[in-house]
Amino acid sequence: MGIPKVLRYAVLHVGSSSMSITILEYAGIDDVKVIDHASREVTFGEELFQTSRLSFKTIEEICQILKGYKQLMADYGVTKSKLYGTTVIREAQNRRSILDQIFIHTGMRVEVIDMPKEVYYKYSLLHYDMTHHHHIFDDSEALMFLDISSGGVGITVWKGGAMLFQRNMHSGSLRVMESFKRNERASSSFSTAISEYMRRIISPLKEELQEFNIKNLVLSGDEARLIASLMGYKAEKNSKENSMLMVSPYDFNKFVDSLEGVTATKLINRYNLPEFKANILMPTIILYHEIMDMVAPDNLLISGVSFSEGLSWFHGVEIEQNSYVYKLREQNIQLARAIARRYHTDAVHDHEVERFSLKFCNVLKDKGFPERWGYLSQIAANLCSVGKFINLRNHGEHSYHIVMGTDIFGLSEQEKEVIANVVYYHYKGMPSDDDAYFRKLTELQKIQVTKLVAVIRMACSLDAGSNQKISDIDITEQDNTMIVTAYTDQDISLESWTFKRDAVYFTEIFGMEIKLIIGGAR
């Protein structure tokens, strides 16, 4: 589905070290024109790093900058905009007050991006650029994307069109520095302590990452570009061909060795960096070094993709409903299957539930069932049984905690809460405010859960014996009755009984009867 005309919009970002606005015209996935871009360097992250909150004075400064950005939007006649906040708002103890004051003074609502989603926006544009514009490597080579922000570290590995691995760790540059007192950071042995600290954090991933034989490591973000600049590498601005900078791993290791222990003081003295920037750069350099030592890449690339660029591009692609969005979703579903494999679920049964549930979702689009909910049903179908790995008793409870404790790429935290509740209720029980997990959801989330549970239960019933007796189904609607025709040449008594039992809940939720008809072999 294409967009009818050029879409003009603005994306605003409140970050730890900068605030920015990007005004764009989006005509297609390869036709995105930046009309204007403005950014302001700030030290909000330094304040957060020291106090875990933002002062009233800082909040006033944020509002003043946003008012200036609103005037810029008015000058360009831009009426569509999105305002996003990342680590500096997400991690602040007075987050609610910050959001409230921004709305009172600017009329703008802030969408606070959780760390996995932050990585996802950057990965989406990076993956597209790497596969469509920068044909640097063969599709048979695994490529690792390492993203370090103030609040976390994202590690994503892909080969060709398949995502192989994705983990997010809450150990970003700000968070690492928060773990040490000021007198400890001033110690001459601090660099060694940080290296050992980082090594301990990433060591559980070592064996799995080395299995991928990663030869190409991509770094992104302001810190990566700054490090390349300190090493003497320069990229031409506003050049698509040069937005990906090739850096020698040997040169990087040589750069680290030349510091004889990476400390903020050495970075300040040698490169005349501000103290806050040096405090952020120091753990970033050390983590890069530890990851490179772990995977030993042949090639090191610095990407020009920033969070604001990835977010701005993805916003247009999603509104256009470009087919590339569905390619990214398929990668995320692959990751959900990989998560399920770690808990030794029945992959064949999971596939059947996913396949049948998607058919239900497609038919229900006219019944207040948005297309994205079908995508969520695919994720949920693969994760319903992960709790059985812990214990067959109360496996819904265990599944809930596994999902809530897992970063699921491409989903917001709110969507993950929906998935967790779906897997909790998918087998038995009714979603109810008597349950703490369900009670804390928003009303929209509760509606999502009840409808997805109804769909997943019907899909599960069609493979109740986990023996794939039904080869395919057709779903039609007639006189407010959903008719499910199951094609099989086997005895499906168990499936029929289970279907009839779960149909009661389905009818209650969707307000329509549902019947099963056996259609014979197909």
Protein backbone atom coordinates (compact mmCIF):
# COMPACT_ATOMS: atom_id res chain seq x y z
CA MET A 1 0.00 0.00 0.00
CA GLY A 2 1.61 3.29 -1.07
CA ILE A 3 1.14 6.71 0.42
CA PRO A 4 -1.01 9.00 -1.75
CA LYS A 5 1.39 11.94 -1.67
CA VAL A 6 4.64 13.10 -0.14
CA LEU A 7 4.41 12.88 3.63
CA ARG A 8 5.96 15.75 5.58
CA TYR A 9 6.52 15.26 9.30
CA ALA A 10 8.90 16.04 12.15
CA VAL A 11 10.62 13.72 14.60
CA LEU A 12 11.88 15.21 17.87
CA HIS A 13 14.20 13.47 20.33
CA VAL A 14 15.21 14.19 23.92
CA GLY A 15 18.49 12.36 24.55
CA SER A 16 21.25 12.25 27.15
CA SER A 17 23.77 14.38 25.27
CA SER A 18 21.62 16.12 22.65
CA MET A 19 18.12 17.20 21.70
CA SER A 20 17.17 17.24 18.05
CA ILE A 21 14.45 17.81 15.50
CA THR A 22 14.39 16.38 11.99
CA ILE A 23 11.85 17.61 9.44
CA LEU A 24 11.43 15.22 6.52
CA GLU A 25 9.55 14.61 3.34
CA TYR A 26 8.89 10.92 2.77
CA ALA A 27 7.91 9.80 -0.72
CA GLY A 28 9.17 6.22 -0.54
CA ILE A 29 11.61 3.94 1.24
CA ASP A 30 14.48 5.21 -0.95
CA ASP A 31 13.13 8.73 -1.30
CA VAL A 32 13.44 10.43 2.07
CA LYS A 33 14.47 14.08 1.99
CA VAL A 34 15.64 15.91 5.12
CA ILE A 35 14.17 19.41 4.89
CA ASP A 36 15.86 20.67 8.03
CA HIS A 37 17.68 19.31 11.03
CA ALA A 38 18.61 21.07 14.25
CA SER A 39 20.30 19.72 17.36
CA ARG A 40 21.49 21.10 20.66
CA GLU A 41 24.24 19.53 22.76
CA VAL A 42 23.09 19.09 26.36
CA THR A 43 24.43 17.57 29.57
CA PHE A 44 21.20 16.03 30.82
CA GLY A 45 22.87 12.63 30.97
CA GLU A 46 25.55 14.00 33.29
CA GLU A 47 22.89 15.20 35.72
CA LEU A 48 21.05 11.89 35.51
CA PHE A 49 24.35 10.06 36.03
CA GLN A 50 25.00 12.03 39.23
CA THR A 51 21.51 12.32 40.77
CA SER A 52 19.23 9.76 39.02
CA ARG A 53 16.75 12.55 38.27
CA LEU A 54 16.38 15.78 36.33
CA SER A 55 16.07 19.10 38.14
CA PHE A 56 13.25 21.57 37.61
CA LYS A 57 15.74 23.88 35.90
CA THR A 58 16.68 21.13 33.43
CA ILE A 59 13.04 20.36 32.71
CA GLU A 60 12.51 24.06 31.99
CA GLU A 61 15.45 23.97 29.57
CA ILE A 62 13.96 20.94 27.78
CA CYS A 63 10.64 22.76 27.43
CA GLN A 64 12.31 25.91 26.08
CA ILE A 65 14.19 23.94 23.44
CA LEU A 66 11.00 22.11 22.45
CA LYS A 67 9.15 25.42 22.11
CA GLY A 68 11.86 26.53 19.69
CA TYR A 69 11.44 23.32 17.72
CA LYS A 70 7.66 23.86 17.61
CA GLN A 71 8.25 27.29 16.10
CA LEU A 72 10.53 25.71 13.48
CA MET A 73 7.75 23.25 12.65
CA ALA A 74 5.29 26.14 12.31
CA ASP A 75 7.69 27.96 9.97
CA TYR A 76 7.67 24.91 7.69
CA GLY A 77 3.95 24.32 8.04
CA VAL A 78 4.51 20.91 9.62
CA THR A 79 1.51 19.62 11.56
CA LYS A 80 2.47 15.95 12.00
CA SER A 81 5.15 15.21 14.56
CA LYS A 82 6.33 12.66 17.11
CA LEU A 83 8.37 13.39 20.24
CA TYR A 84 10.50 10.60 21.67
CA GLY A 85 12.51 10.27 24.87
CA THR A 86 15.22 7.70 25.48
CA THR A 87 17.56 6.95 28.40
CA VAL A 88 17.56 10.39 30.03
CA ILE A 89 13.78 10.27 30.52
CA ARG A 90 13.39 6.51 30.75
CA GLU A 91 15.89 6.21 33.62
CA ALA A 92 14.90 9.34 35.58
CA GLN A 93 13.27 8.66 38.94
CA ASN A 94 11.00 11.70 38.42
CA ARG A 95 9.95 10.54 34.94
CA ARG A 96 6.24 11.23 35.49
CA SER A 97 6.92 14.83 36.50
CA ILE A 98 9.12 15.35 33.43
CA LEU A 99 6.43 14.05 31.08
CA ASP A 100 3.73 16.10 32.80
CA GLN A 101 5.72 19.35 32.68
CA ILE A 102 6.59 18.86 29.00
CA PHE A 103 2.90 18.43 28.18
CA ILE A 104 1.81 21.41 30.28
CA HIS A 105 4.38 23.77 28.73
CA THR A 106 4.44 22.51 25.14
CA GLY A 107 1.25 20.51 24.61
CA MET A 108 3.41 17.61 23.38
CA ARG A 109 3.19 14.02 24.56
CA VAL A 110 6.49 12.14 24.86
CA GLU A 111 6.70 8.54 23.76
CA VAL A 112 9.33 6.97 25.99
CA ILE A 113 11.27 4.38 24.02
CA ASP A 114 12.50 1.32 25.87
CA MET A 115 15.99 0.08 25.11
CA PRO A 116 15.15 -2.87 22.79
CA LYS A 117 12.95 -0.60 20.66
CA GLU A 118 15.72 2.01 20.55
CA VAL A 119 18.10 -0.60 19.14
CA TYR A 120 15.40 -1.86 16.76
CA TYR A 121 14.90 1.48 15.01
CA LYS A 122 18.63 1.80 14.35
CA TYR A 123 18.93 -1.82 13.26
CA SER A 124 16.03 -1.48 10.82
CA LEU A 125 17.65 1.32 8.81
CA LEU A 126 21.12 -0.20 9.13
CA HIS A 127 19.91 -3.57 7.84
CA TYR A 128 18.17 -1.92 4.90
CA ASP A 129 21.25 0.15 4.04
CA MET A 130 23.56 -2.85 4.32
CA THR A 131 21.39 -5.08 2.14
CA HIS A 132 20.25 -2.52 -0.45
CA HIS A 133 22.90 0.20 -0.66
CA HIS A 134 26.16 -1.12 0.74
CA HIS A 135 26.80 -4.46 -0.97
CA ILE A 136 30.05 -4.85 0.92
CA PHE A 137 29.81 -8.45 2.04
CA ASP A 138 28.48 -11.73 0.77
CA ASP A 139 25.14 -12.90 2.20
CA SER A 140 26.88 -16.03 3.47
CA GLU A 141 28.86 -13.97 6.01
CA ALA A 142 27.46 -13.29 9.46
CA LEU A 143 27.41 -9.62 10.44
CA MET A 144 27.16 -8.31 13.97
CA PHE A 145 25.64 -4.94 14.88
CA LEU A 146 26.84 -3.57 18.23
CA ASP A 147 24.85 -0.62 19.56
CA ILE A 148 25.86 1.13 22.77
CA SER A 149 23.68 3.85 24.25
CA SER A 150 23.70 5.55 27.62
CA GLY A 151 21.31 2.97 29.04
CA GLY A 152 22.17 -0.31 27.37
CA VAL A 153 23.97 -2.46 24.84
CA GLY A 154 22.27 -4.17 21.91
CA ILE A 155 23.92 -7.06 20.06
CA THR A 156 22.29 -8.25 16.85
CA VAL A 157 23.67 -10.84 14.42
CA TRP A 158 22.26 -11.53 10.96
CA LYS A 159 23.25 -13.42 7.86
CA GLY A 160 21.56 -12.55 4.57
CA GLY A 161 17.86 -12.12 5.33
CA ALA A 162 17.87 -14.14 8.56
CA MET A 163 18.41 -12.83 12.06
CA LEU A 164 20.51 -15.27 14.05
CA PHE A 165 20.85 -13.63 17.44
CA GLN A 166 19.60 -10.65 19.44
CA ARG A 167 20.34 -9.69 23.03
CA ASN A 168 20.02 -6.43 24.91
CA MET A 169 21.93 -5.78 28.12
CA HIS A 170 21.21 -3.03 30.61
CA SER A 171 24.86 -2.04 30.84
CA GLY A 172 25.23 1.09 28.73
CA SER A 173 27.88 3.72 29.27
CA LEU A 174 25.90 5.74 31.83
CA ARG A 175 24.75 2.66 33.71
CA VAL A 176 28.30 1.30 33.91
CA MET A 177 29.61 4.56 35.36
CA GLU A 178 26.77 4.58 37.90
CA SER A 179 28.18 1.33 39.28
CA PHE A 180 31.34 3.02 40.54
CA LYS A 181 31.85 5.83 43.05
CA ARG A 182 33.71 9.02 42.09
CA ASN A 183 36.84 8.09 44.09
CA GLU A 184 36.86 4.67 42.38
CA ARG A 185 36.64 6.32 38.96
CA ALA A 186 39.67 8.46 39.85
CA SER A 187 41.79 5.39 40.66
CA SER A 188 44.69 4.52 38.36
CA SER A 189 43.38 0.95 38.20
CA PHE A 190 39.87 2.00 37.13
CA SER A 191 40.48 1.11 33.48
CA THR A 192 41.43 -2.45 34.43
CA ALA A 193 38.43 -2.73 36.74
CA ILE A 194 36.07 -1.53 33.98
CA SER A 195 37.56 -4.06 31.52
CA GLU A 196 37.02 -6.91 33.96
CA TYR A 197 33.53 -5.65 34.77
CA MET A 198 32.59 -5.54 31.07
CA ARG A 199 34.15 -8.94 30.43
CA ARG A 200 32.05 -10.49 33.17
CA ILE A 201 28.86 -8.97 31.74
CA ILE A 202 29.40 -10.24 28.19
CA SER A 203 31.13 -13.56 28.97
CA PRO A 204 27.83 -15.57 29.02
CA LEU A 205 27.42 -14.67 25.33
CA LYS A 206 30.92 -15.67 24.27
CA GLU A 207 30.34 -19.28 23.28
CA GLU A 208 27.17 -18.56 21.31
CA LEU A 209 28.64 -15.55 19.48
CA GLN A 210 31.78 -17.41 18.49
CA GLU A 211 29.68 -20.13 16.86
CA PHE A 212 28.52 -17.60 14.24
CA ASN A 213 32.08 -17.02 13.00
CA ILE A 214 31.47 -13.27 12.82
CA LYS A 215 33.86 -11.51 10.47
CA ASN A 216 32.10 -8.16 10.13
CA LEU A 217 31.37 -5.91 13.09
CA VAL A 218 29.27 -2.74 12.67
CA LEU A 219 29.27 0.04 15.25
CA SER A 220 26.82 2.93 15.22
CA GLY A 221 26.06 6.14 17.03
CA ASP A 222 27.75 9.40 17.96
CA GLU A 223 30.39 7.73 20.15
CA ALA A 224 31.44 5.32 17.38
CA ARG A 225 31.87 8.20 14.92
CA LEU A 226 33.76 10.24 17.51
CA ILE A 227 36.17 7.37 18.18
CA ALA A 228 36.81 7.00 14.44
CA SER A 229 37.48 10.73 14.27
CA LEU A 230 39.95 10.54 17.17
CA MET A 231 41.73 7.77 15.25
CA GLY A 232 42.04 10.06 12.22
CA TYR A 233 39.28 8.54 10.10
CA LYS A 234 37.03 11.09 8.39
CA ALA A 235 33.74 10.49 6.57
CA GLU A 236 32.26 12.92 4.10
CA LYS A 237 28.99 14.35 5.33
CA ASN A 238 25.81 14.15 3.26
CA SER A 239 27.24 11.33 1.17
CA LYS A 240 25.29 8.07 1.07
CA GLU A 241 28.29 6.16 -0.22
CA ASN A 242 30.47 7.40 2.64
CA SER A 243 27.96 7.01 5.47
CA MET A 244 29.58 3.63 6.16
CA LEU A 245 33.19 4.01 7.24
CA MET A 246 35.63 1.10 7.06
CA VAL A 247 38.07 1.06 9.99
CA SER A 248 40.95 -1.34 10.48
CA PRO A 249 40.57 -3.53 13.60
CA TYR A 250 44.35 -3.35 13.87
CA ASP A 251 44.20 0.45 13.97
CA PHE A 252 41.52 0.34 16.65
CA ASN A 253 43.56 -1.97 18.88
CA LYS A 254 46.61 0.20 18.28
CA PHE A 255 44.57 3.26 19.33
CA VAL A 256 43.53 1.54 22.57
CA ASP A 257 47.10 0.40 23.28
CA SER A 258 48.38 3.94 22.77
CA LEU A 259 46.29 5.12 25.71
CA GLU A 260 48.03 2.59 28.01
CA GLY A 261 44.82 2.15 29.92
CA VAL A 262 41.67 3.99 28.81
CA THR A 263 40.68 6.62 31.35
CA ALA A 264 38.44 9.67 31.12
CA THR A 265 41.35 11.87 32.25
CA LYS A 266 43.57 10.72 29.37
CA LEU A 267 40.77 11.33 26.86
CA ILE A 268 40.20 14.81 28.28
CA ASN A 269 43.89 15.74 28.22
CA ARG A 270 44.81 14.20 24.87
CA TYR A 271 41.72 15.13 22.86
CA ASN A 272 40.39 18.12 24.80
CA LEU A 273 37.03 16.43 25.38
CA PRO A 274 34.44 17.67 27.89
CA GLU A 275 34.42 15.61 31.10
CA PHE A 276 30.92 14.24 30.56
CA LYS A 277 31.69 13.12 27.01
CA ALA A 278 34.93 11.49 28.18
CA ASN A 279 33.02 9.63 30.92
CA ILE A 280 30.68 8.24 28.29
CA LEU A 281 33.40 7.48 25.75
CA MET A 282 35.70 5.61 28.13
CA PRO A 283 33.43 2.59 28.88
CA THR A 284 32.30 2.58 25.23
CA ILE A 285 35.89 2.17 23.98
CA ILE A 286 36.55 -0.57 26.54
CA LEU A 287 33.40 -2.49 25.60
CA TYR A 288 34.24 -2.24 21.89
CA HIS A 289 37.68 -3.61 22.69
CA GLU A 290 36.30 -6.51 24.75
CA ILE A 291 33.76 -7.47 22.04
CA MET A 292 36.42 -7.32 19.33
CA ASP A 293 38.69 -9.51 21.42
CA MET A 294 35.82 -11.98 21.80
CA VAL A 295 34.72 -12.29 18.15
CA ALA A 296 37.98 -11.26 16.35
CA PRO A 297 36.35 -9.59 13.30
CA ASP A 298 38.21 -9.12 10.04
CA ASN A 299 36.32 -5.92 9.28
CA LEU A 300 35.15 -3.05 11.44
CA LEU A 301 32.57 -0.60 10.09
CA ILE A 302 31.29 2.64 11.56
CA SER A 303 27.70 3.34 10.53
CA GLY A 304 26.28 6.80 10.07
CA VAL A 305 22.87 5.63 11.32
CA SER A 306 21.72 7.46 14.43
CA PHE A 307 18.63 6.89 16.56
CA SER A 308 16.88 9.96 15.11
CA GLU A 309 17.67 8.88 11.54
CA GLY A 310 16.50 5.32 12.12
CA LEU A 311 13.34 6.47 13.85
CA SER A 312 12.52 9.11 11.20
CA TRP A 313 12.99 6.62 8.37
CA PHE A 314 11.04 3.84 10.09
CA HIS A 315 8.12 6.18 10.84
CA GLY A 316 7.63 6.86 7.12
CA VAL A 317 8.15 3.23 6.11
CA GLU A 318 5.55 2.10 8.64
CA ILE A 319 2.97 4.69 7.55
CA GLU A 320 3.51 3.63 3.93
CA GLN A 321 3.16 -0.01 5.02
CA ASN A 322 6.13 -0.83 2.85
CA SER A 323 6.72 -4.54 2.36
CA TYR A 324 10.07 -4.16 4.09
CA VAL A 325 8.23 -3.78 7.41
CA TYR A 326 6.85 -7.30 6.97
CA LYS A 327 10.31 -8.63 6.19
CA LEU A 328 11.53 -7.20 9.49
CA ARG A 329 8.54 -8.73 11.28
CA GLU A 330 9.34 -12.14 9.83
CA GLN A 331 12.86 -11.80 11.25
CA ASN A 332 11.36 -11.05 14.67
CA ILE A 333 9.09 -14.08 14.44
CA GLN A 334 12.17 -16.15 13.65
CA LEU A 335 13.71 -14.85 16.86
CA ALA A 336 10.57 -15.80 18.81
CA ARG A 337 10.94 -19.32 17.42
CA ALA A 338 14.59 -19.30 18.49
CA ILE A 339 13.57 -18.27 22.02
CA ALA A 340 11.07 -21.15 22.08
CA ARG A 341 13.78 -23.59 20.96
CA ARG A 342 15.88 -22.64 23.98
CA TYR A 343 13.02 -23.93 26.14
CA HIS A 344 12.56 -27.09 24.06
CA THR A 345 8.95 -26.49 23.06
CA ASP A 346 7.15 -28.59 20.46
CA ALA A 347 8.14 -26.55 17.38
CA VAL A 348 5.83 -28.42 15.02
CA HIS A 349 2.80 -27.79 17.26
CA ASP A 350 3.84 -24.15 17.71
CA HIS A 351 3.99 -23.76 13.93
CA GLU A 352 0.46 -25.16 13.56
CA VAL A 353 -0.90 -22.79 16.22
CA GLU A 354 0.85 -19.86 14.54
CA ARG A 355 -0.48 -20.86 11.12
CA PHE A 356 -4.09 -21.32 12.27
CA SER A 357 -4.15 -18.24 14.51
CA LEU A 358 -2.98 -16.03 11.65
CA LYS A 359 -5.88 -17.30 9.52
CA PHE A 360 -8.32 -16.38 12.27
CA CYS A 361 -6.75 -12.93 12.61
CA ASN A 362 -7.02 -12.24 8.88
CA VAL A 363 -10.72 -13.05 8.89
CA LEU A 364 -11.31 -10.96 12.02
CA LYS A 365 -9.91 -7.71 10.59
CA ASP A 366 -13.45 -6.46 10.11
CA LYS A 367 -14.25 -7.26 13.74
CA GLY A 368 -11.99 -4.67 15.36
CA PHE A 369 -8.87 -6.78 15.04
CA PRO A 370 -5.99 -4.60 13.70
CA GLU A 371 -3.47 -6.16 11.38
CA ARG A 372 -0.63 -5.77 13.92
CA TRP A 373 -2.52 -7.93 16.41
CA GLY A 374 -2.15 -10.77 13.96
CA TYR A 375 1.61 -10.27 14.16
CA LEU A 376 1.39 -10.40 17.97
CA SER A 377 -0.58 -13.65 17.70
CA GLN A 378 2.32 -15.19 15.76
CA ILE A 379 4.77 -14.20 18.49
CA ALA A 380 2.46 -15.49 21.23
CA ALA A 381 1.82 -18.79 19.42
CA ASN A 382 5.53 -19.59 19.57
CA LEU A 383 5.94 -18.67 23.23
CA CYS A 384 2.84 -20.24 24.79
CA SER A 385 4.61 -23.36 26.03
CA VAL A 386 8.01 -22.04 27.12
CA GLY A 387 6.98 -22.36 30.77
CA LYS A 388 6.74 -26.15 30.49
CA PHE A 389 10.54 -26.18 30.52
CA ILE A 390 10.37 -25.03 34.15
CA ASN A 391 7.42 -27.12 35.31
CA LEU A 392 4.36 -28.68 33.71
CA ARG A 393 2.31 -27.46 36.66
CA ASN A 394 1.28 -23.82 36.31
CA HIS A 395 3.28 -23.53 33.12
CA GLY A 396 1.27 -20.44 32.17
CA GLU A 397 2.73 -18.66 35.19
CA HIS A 398 6.25 -19.69 34.23
CA SER A 399 5.64 -18.68 30.61
CA TYR A 400 4.55 -15.24 31.79
CA HIS A 401 7.77 -14.65 33.70
CA ILE A 402 9.95 -15.96 30.88
CA VAL A 403 8.32 -13.59 28.39
CA MET A 404 8.52 -10.62 30.76
CA GLY A 405 12.19 -11.40 31.41
CA THR A 406 13.05 -11.61 27.71
CA ASP A 407 13.71 -8.74 25.30
CA ILE A 408 11.57 -9.44 22.22
CA PHE A 409 12.93 -7.48 19.28
CA GLY A 410 10.45 -5.25 17.49
CA LEU A 411 7.91 -5.13 20.32
CA SER A 412 7.29 -2.29 22.74
CA GLU A 413 7.23 -3.01 26.46
CA GLN A 414 3.43 -2.63 26.38
CA GLU A 415 3.12 -5.22 23.59
CA LYS A 416 5.38 -7.58 25.52
CA GLU A 417 3.04 -7.26 28.51
CA VAL A 418 0.16 -8.26 26.22
CA ILE A 419 2.07 -11.31 24.96
CA ALA A 420 2.97 -12.32 28.53
CA ASN A 421 -0.69 -12.22 29.58
CA VAL A 422 -1.77 -14.16 26.49
CA VAL A 423 0.65 -17.01 27.27
CA TYR A 424 -0.50 -16.90 30.91
CA TYR A 425 -4.16 -17.43 29.95
CA HIS A 426 -3.82 -19.36 26.71
CA TYR A 427 -4.50 -22.75 28.30
CA LYS A 428 -6.93 -22.07 31.12
CA GLY A 429 -8.55 -19.36 33.19
CA MET A 430 -10.29 -16.17 32.12
CA PRO A 431 -8.55 -12.79 31.90
CA SER A 432 -9.76 -11.00 35.02
CA ASP A 433 -8.96 -7.95 37.12
CA ASP A 434 -8.75 -10.34 40.05
CA ASP A 435 -5.33 -11.30 38.67
CA ALA A 436 -2.47 -8.86 39.33
CA TYR A 437 -0.85 -9.36 35.91
CA PHE A 438 -4.04 -8.47 34.06
CA ARG A 439 -5.19 -5.77 36.46
CA LYS A 440 -2.20 -3.50 35.84
CA LEU A 441 -2.77 -3.39 32.06
CA THR A 442 -4.42 -0.46 30.31
CA GLU A 443 -7.95 -0.93 28.97
CA LEU A 444 -6.63 -1.25 25.40
CA GLN A 445 -4.12 -3.88 26.48
CA LYS A 446 -6.88 -5.81 28.24
CA ILE A 447 -8.95 -5.86 25.06
CA GLN A 448 -5.92 -7.08 23.11
CA VAL A 449 -5.32 -9.86 25.61
CA THR A 450 -8.92 -11.12 25.67
CA LYS A 451 -9.16 -11.22 21.88
CA LEU A 452 -5.76 -12.81 21.36
CA VAL A 453 -6.45 -15.43 24.03
CA ALA A 454 -9.71 -16.33 22.26
CA VAL A 455 -7.89 -16.69 18.92
CA ILE A 456 -4.92 -18.65 20.32
CA ARG A 457 -7.23 -21.08 22.13
CA MET A 458 -9.18 -21.81 18.93
CA ALA A 459 -5.92 -22.31 17.01
CA CYS A 460 -4.56 -24.62 19.75
CA SER A 461 -7.76 -26.66 19.72
CA LEU A 462 -7.19 -27.55 16.06
CA ASP A 463 -3.99 -29.35 17.05
CA ALA A 464 -5.14 -30.42 20.52
CA GLY A 465 -3.30 -33.74 20.32
CA SER A 466 -0.11 -32.16 18.93
CA ASN A 467 -0.18 -34.67 16.08
CA GLN A 468 -1.09 -32.42 13.14
CA LYS A 469 -4.16 -34.33 12.01
CA ILE A 470 -5.65 -31.28 10.26
CA SER A 471 -3.77 -30.39 7.10
CA ASP A 472 -5.45 -27.03 6.49
CA ILE A 473 -8.47 -24.92 7.34
CA ASP A 474 -10.77 -22.47 5.58
CA ILE A 475 -12.65 -19.82 7.55
CA THR A 476 -15.79 -18.10 6.28
CA GLU A 477 -18.51 -15.99 7.86
CA GLN A 478 -22.21 -16.58 7.35
CA ASP A 479 -25.10 -14.97 9.25
CA ASN A 480 -22.79 -13.81 12.07
CA THR A 481 -21.39 -17.30 12.39
CA MET A 482 -17.77 -18.14 11.76
CA ILE A 483 -17.51 -21.47 9.97
CA VAL A 484 -14.18 -23.27 10.24
CA THR A 485 -13.73 -26.07 7.71
CA ALA A 486 -11.00 -28.49 8.79
CA TYR A 487 -9.47 -30.71 6.11
CA THR A 488 -8.51 -34.14 7.39
CA ASP A 489 -8.98 -37.82 6.74
CA GLN A 490 -8.32 -38.79 10.36
CA ASP A 491 -10.34 -39.07 13.56
CA ILE A 492 -10.27 -35.60 15.18
CA SER A 493 -12.61 -36.28 18.10
CA LEU A 494 -10.20 -34.65 20.58
CA GLU A 495 -9.84 -31.58 18.38
CA SER A 496 -13.61 -31.32 17.92
CA TRP A 497 -14.33 -31.57 21.65
CA THR A 498 -11.64 -29.02 22.50
CA PHE A 499 -12.88 -26.70 19.76
CA LYS A 500 -16.45 -26.86 21.13
CA ARG A 501 -15.26 -26.13 24.66
CA ASP A 502 -13.16 -23.08 23.66
CA ALA A 503 -15.82 -21.80 21.25
CA VAL A 504 -17.83 -20.58 24.26
CA TYR A 505 -15.17 -18.04 25.19
CA PHE A 506 -14.63 -17.04 21.57
CA THR A 507 -18.34 -16.30 21.14
CA GLU A 508 -18.38 -14.25 24.34
CA ILE A 509 -15.45 -12.10 23.18
CA PHE A 510 -16.32 -11.59 19.53
CA GLY A 511 -20.12 -11.76 19.73
CA MET A 512 -20.48 -14.41 17.02
CA GLU A 513 -21.01 -18.15 16.90
CA ILE A 514 -18.20 -20.37 15.68
CA LYS A 515 -18.66 -23.87 14.23
CA LEU A 516 -16.30 -26.61 13.07
CA ILE A 517 -17.01 -28.57 9.91
CA ILE A 518 -14.94 -31.55 8.83
CA GLY A 519 -14.13 -31.20 5.15
CA GLY A 520 -12.25 -34.40 4.41
CA ALA A 521 -8.77 -34.75 2.96
CA ARG A 522 -7.34 -31.94 0.87
